[in-house]
N, C-alpha and C. Protein backbone atom coordinates (compact mmCIF):
# COMPACT_ATOMS: atom_id res chain seq x y z
N MET A 1 135.69 -121.79 -101.91
CA MET A 1 136.41 -122.62 -102.33
C MET A 1 138.09 -122.15 -102.51
N TRP A 2 138.10 -121.71 -103.26
CA TRP A 2 139.59 -121.00 -103.25
C TRP A 2 139.50 -120.47 -102.85
N SER A 3 139.80 -119.63 -101.08
CA SER A 3 140.49 -119.87 -100.55
C SER A 3 141.03 -121.06 -99.87
N VAL A 4 140.31 -122.42 -99.52
CA VAL A 4 140.28 -123.26 -99.33
C VAL A 4 142.07 -124.06 -100.67
N PHE A 5 141.34 -123.45 -101.23
CA PHE A 5 142.27 -124.40 -102.22
C PHE A 5 143.98 -123.19 -102.12
N LEU A 6 143.82 -122.17 -101.96
CA LEU A 6 144.92 -121.30 -102.26
C LEU A 6 145.70 -121.91 -100.32
N ASN A 7 145.24 -122.07 -99.14
CA ASN A 7 145.34 -122.06 -98.60
C ASN A 7 146.08 -123.37 -98.33
N ASN A 8 145.99 -124.88 -99.36
CA ASN A 8 146.31 -124.96 -99.24
C ASN A 8 147.85 -125.73 -100.03
N ARG A 9 147.65 -124.67 -101.17
CA ARG A 9 148.52 -124.65 -101.98
C ARG A 9 149.76 -123.55 -100.85
N VAL A 10 149.47 -123.19 -100.73
CA VAL A 10 150.46 -121.80 -98.62
C VAL A 10 150.91 -122.76 -98.84
N ALA A 11 150.25 -123.65 -97.72
CA ALA A 11 150.17 -124.50 -96.98
C ALA A 11 151.30 -125.75 -97.77
N LYS A 12 151.53 -125.92 -98.34
CA LYS A 12 151.86 -126.90 -99.54
C LYS A 12 153.41 -126.39 -99.60
N HIS A 13 153.92 -124.97 -99.97
CA HIS A 13 154.79 -124.47 -100.60
C HIS A 13 155.58 -124.00 -99.12
N GLY A 14 154.89 -124.03 -98.45
CA GLY A 14 155.21 -124.14 -97.21
C GLY A 14 156.34 -125.15 -96.38
N VAL A 15 155.98 -125.51 -96.83
CA VAL A 15 156.67 -127.70 -96.47
C VAL A 15 157.54 -127.39 -96.99
N GLU A 16 157.10 -127.18 -98.01
CA GLU A 16 157.90 -127.53 -99.30
C GLU A 16 159.31 -126.88 -99.10
N ILE A 17 159.43 -125.26 -98.22
CA ILE A 17 160.73 -124.31 -98.51
C ILE A 17 161.28 -125.35 -96.85
N ILE A 18 160.50 -125.73 -96.04
CA ILE A 18 160.65 -126.44 -94.90
C ILE A 18 162.05 -127.85 -94.56
N ILE A 19 161.80 -128.52 -95.34
CA ILE A 19 161.70 -129.86 -96.15
C ILE A 19 163.43 -129.36 -97.09
N ASN A 20 163.22 -128.78 -97.05
CA ASN A 20 164.09 -127.83 -98.15
C ASN A 20 165.31 -127.61 -97.31
N ASN A 21 164.95 -126.93 -96.50
CA ASN A 21 165.75 -126.35 -95.71
C ASN A 21 166.61 -127.23 -94.96
N ILE A 22 165.90 -127.79 -94.08
CA ILE A 22 165.60 -129.55 -93.55
C ILE A 22 166.85 -129.99 -93.98
N ARG A 23 167.10 -130.42 -95.42
CA ARG A 23 168.03 -131.10 -96.10
C ARG A 23 169.35 -130.49 -97.02
N THR A 24 168.96 -128.95 -96.62
CA THR A 24 170.01 -127.89 -96.98
C THR A 24 171.15 -128.78 -95.86
N ILE A 25 170.16 -127.97 -94.89
CA ILE A 25 171.73 -127.75 -93.80
C ILE A 25 171.79 -128.65 -93.00
N ILE A 26 172.30 -130.33 -93.28
CA ILE A 26 171.69 -131.82 -93.33
C ILE A 26 173.39 -131.80 -93.89
N ARG A 27 173.39 -131.41 -94.91
CA ARG A 27 173.93 -131.78 -95.99
C ARG A 27 174.73 -130.57 -96.49
N GLU A 28 174.56 -129.64 -95.72
CA GLU A 28 175.96 -128.47 -95.90
C GLU A 28 176.40 -129.23 -94.42
N LYS A 29 175.85 -129.05 -93.73
CA LYS A 29 176.78 -129.96 -92.54
C LYS A 29 177.86 -130.75 -92.17
N GLY A 30 177.22 -131.52 -93.06
CA GLY A 30 177.39 -132.60 -93.44
C GLY A 30 177.47 -134.76 -91.82
N TYR A 31 175.61 -134.10 -91.32
CA TYR A 31 175.37 -135.29 -90.92
C TYR A 31 174.54 -135.62 -91.57
N LEU A 32 174.26 -136.69 -91.33
CA LEU A 32 173.65 -138.26 -91.66
C LEU A 32 171.46 -138.27 -91.21
N GLN A 33 171.80 -138.42 -91.56
CA GLN A 33 169.73 -138.22 -92.28
C GLN A 33 169.85 -138.60 -90.20
N LYS A 34 170.09 -140.16 -90.17
CA LYS A 34 169.94 -140.81 -88.66
C LYS A 34 170.01 -140.35 -88.19
N SER A 35 171.49 -139.55 -88.40
CA SER A 35 171.74 -138.75 -86.69
C SER A 35 171.16 -138.03 -86.26
N VAL A 36 170.41 -137.21 -87.45
CA VAL A 36 169.90 -136.07 -87.10
C VAL A 36 168.58 -136.32 -86.29
N ALA A 37 167.68 -137.41 -87.15
CA ALA A 37 166.63 -138.00 -86.90
C ALA A 37 166.59 -138.79 -84.98
N ASN A 38 167.52 -139.01 -85.15
CA ASN A 38 168.07 -140.07 -83.37
C ASN A 38 168.22 -138.12 -82.26
N ARG A 39 169.04 -137.06 -82.66
CA ARG A 39 168.84 -135.53 -82.16
C ARG A 39 166.60 -135.73 -81.37
N ALA A 40 166.91 -135.44 -82.41
CA ALA A 40 164.74 -135.09 -82.68
C ALA A 40 164.15 -136.17 -81.78
N GLY A 41 164.97 -136.98 -81.59
CA GLY A 41 163.95 -138.18 -81.13
C GLY A 41 162.91 -138.82 -81.99
N TYR A 42 162.56 -139.10 -83.24
CA TYR A 42 162.67 -139.58 -84.09
C TYR A 42 162.96 -141.15 -85.07
N SER A 43 162.42 -141.65 -85.81
CA SER A 43 163.04 -143.20 -85.74
C SER A 43 163.58 -142.58 -87.07
N LYS A 44 164.94 -144.03 -87.42
CA LYS A 44 165.57 -142.88 -88.98
C LYS A 44 164.05 -143.03 -90.74
N GLN A 45 163.17 -144.33 -90.41
CA GLN A 45 161.71 -144.28 -91.14
C GLN A 45 160.58 -142.33 -90.61
N THR A 46 160.58 -142.33 -89.75
CA THR A 46 159.75 -141.52 -89.45
C THR A 46 160.31 -140.00 -89.88
N PHE A 47 161.44 -140.29 -89.75
CA PHE A 47 163.18 -138.81 -89.97
C PHE A 47 162.14 -139.21 -91.93
N ASN A 48 162.31 -139.82 -92.53
CA ASN A 48 162.44 -139.94 -94.31
C ASN A 48 161.38 -139.66 -94.20
N ASN A 49 160.25 -140.81 -93.37
CA ASN A 49 159.08 -139.82 -94.32
C ASN A 49 158.04 -138.64 -93.20
N MET A 50 159.25 -137.88 -93.22
CA MET A 50 158.87 -136.25 -92.91
C MET A 50 159.23 -135.40 -94.48
N LEU A 51 160.69 -136.03 -94.47
CA LEU A 51 161.34 -135.54 -95.12
C LEU A 51 161.05 -135.83 -96.83
N ASN A 52 159.89 -137.44 -96.65
CA ASN A 52 159.21 -137.55 -98.17
C ASN A 52 158.01 -136.14 -98.41
N GLY A 53 157.93 -136.83 -97.14
CA GLY A 53 156.19 -135.72 -97.03
C GLY A 53 155.10 -137.07 -97.42
N ARG A 54 155.85 -138.20 -96.28
CA ARG A 54 154.66 -139.33 -96.50
C ARG A 54 154.30 -139.64 -94.80
N ARG A 55 155.15 -137.65 -93.94
CA ARG A 55 153.96 -138.30 -91.93
C ARG A 55 154.07 -136.08 -92.49
N ALA A 56 153.31 -135.55 -92.46
CA ALA A 56 153.16 -134.23 -91.67
C ALA A 56 154.36 -133.19 -90.69
N ILE A 57 155.61 -132.91 -90.78
CA ILE A 57 155.95 -131.79 -90.01
C ILE A 57 155.28 -130.75 -89.25
N ARG A 58 155.05 -131.06 -87.78
CA ARG A 58 153.30 -129.28 -87.40
C ARG A 58 154.55 -128.67 -86.64
N ALA A 59 153.81 -127.52 -87.06
CA ALA A 59 154.79 -126.30 -86.36
C ALA A 59 155.30 -126.63 -85.41
N ASP A 60 154.69 -127.49 -83.85
CA ASP A 60 154.98 -127.97 -83.07
C ASP A 60 156.43 -128.94 -82.60
N GLU A 61 156.60 -128.86 -83.98
CA GLU A 61 157.54 -130.12 -84.70
C GLU A 61 159.40 -129.96 -83.98
N ILE A 62 159.55 -128.31 -85.40
CA ILE A 62 160.41 -127.89 -86.06
C ILE A 62 161.61 -127.18 -85.02
N PRO A 63 160.76 -126.79 -83.63
CA PRO A 63 162.41 -126.28 -82.48
C PRO A 63 162.67 -126.76 -82.15
N ARG A 64 162.23 -128.97 -82.35
CA ARG A 64 163.44 -129.59 -81.57
C ARG A 64 163.81 -129.95 -83.26
N ILE A 65 163.46 -130.10 -84.24
CA ILE A 65 164.67 -130.42 -85.28
C ILE A 65 165.29 -129.63 -86.00
N ALA A 66 164.44 -127.86 -85.33
CA ALA A 66 166.15 -127.47 -85.04
C ALA A 66 167.27 -127.30 -84.50
N SER A 67 166.66 -127.85 -83.09
CA SER A 67 167.93 -128.50 -82.47
C SER A 67 169.02 -129.37 -82.70
N ALA A 68 168.05 -130.33 -83.44
CA ALA A 68 169.08 -130.84 -83.28
C ALA A 68 169.33 -130.99 -84.73
N LEU A 69 169.07 -129.19 -85.81
CA LEU A 69 170.08 -129.59 -86.48
C LEU A 69 171.29 -128.53 -85.60
N GLY A 70 171.16 -127.85 -84.95
CA GLY A 70 172.15 -127.10 -84.95
C GLY A 70 171.79 -125.49 -85.22
N CYS A 71 170.48 -125.08 -85.76
CA CYS A 71 169.51 -123.82 -85.67
C CYS A 71 168.73 -123.43 -85.37
N GLU A 72 168.36 -122.09 -85.83
CA GLU A 72 166.90 -121.89 -85.45
C GLU A 72 166.08 -121.93 -85.59
N SER A 73 164.78 -121.67 -84.98
CA SER A 73 163.85 -122.81 -85.75
C SER A 73 164.00 -121.90 -87.04
N SER A 74 163.15 -120.09 -87.39
CA SER A 74 163.50 -119.25 -88.40
C SER A 74 163.90 -120.01 -89.25
N ASP A 75 165.59 -120.08 -89.05
CA ASP A 75 166.25 -121.50 -90.37
C ASP A 75 165.63 -121.99 -90.93
N LEU A 76 164.71 -122.07 -90.62
CA LEU A 76 163.52 -123.97 -91.16
C LEU A 76 162.44 -123.20 -92.17
N TYR A 77 162.27 -122.31 -92.29
CA TYR A 77 161.19 -121.49 -92.55
C TYR A 77 161.37 -120.42 -93.61
N ASP A 78 163.11 -120.29 -93.76
CA ASP A 78 163.30 -118.82 -94.56
C ASP A 78 163.02 -119.14 -95.63
N ASP A 79 162.49 -118.82 -97.17
CA ASP A 79 163.00 -118.51 -98.45
C ASP A 79 163.94 -118.32 -99.43
N HIS A 80 165.02 -118.56 -98.76
CA HIS A 80 166.50 -118.67 -99.56
C HIS A 80 165.81 -118.50 -100.81
N ASP A 81 164.65 -119.62 -101.81
CA ASP A 81 165.25 -118.72 -102.91
C ASP A 81 164.65 -117.78 -103.69
N GLY A 82 163.54 -117.56 -102.38
CA GLY A 82 162.97 -116.09 -102.75
C GLY A 82 161.39 -116.01 -103.38
N GLN A 83 160.46 -116.88 -103.64
CA GLN A 83 159.97 -117.56 -104.14
C GLN A 83 158.52 -117.62 -102.85
N ALA A 84 158.72 -116.89 -102.56
CA ALA A 84 156.93 -116.72 -101.20
C ALA A 84 156.35 -116.35 -101.71
N GLU A 85 155.07 -116.86 -101.42
CA GLU A 85 154.11 -116.31 -101.64
C GLU A 85 153.33 -115.45 -100.68
């Protein structure tokens, strides 16, 4: 039971890192969320739902989001705050 809780907590933390990194890259590059969504093949609403935790971001979607952002997939996983568990 504890391992399930811990795995969920780590997974949630990982998703938060990815979402924060996507938002940071969008802001730093001056992109519009809608433009990134279109380049990645998502509707504006679907991409918004992903960034607000209402729709899961699957691991197999990371490369196409990274490509739309003009970065490497690994850039989305990096914990720049040093708070990785």
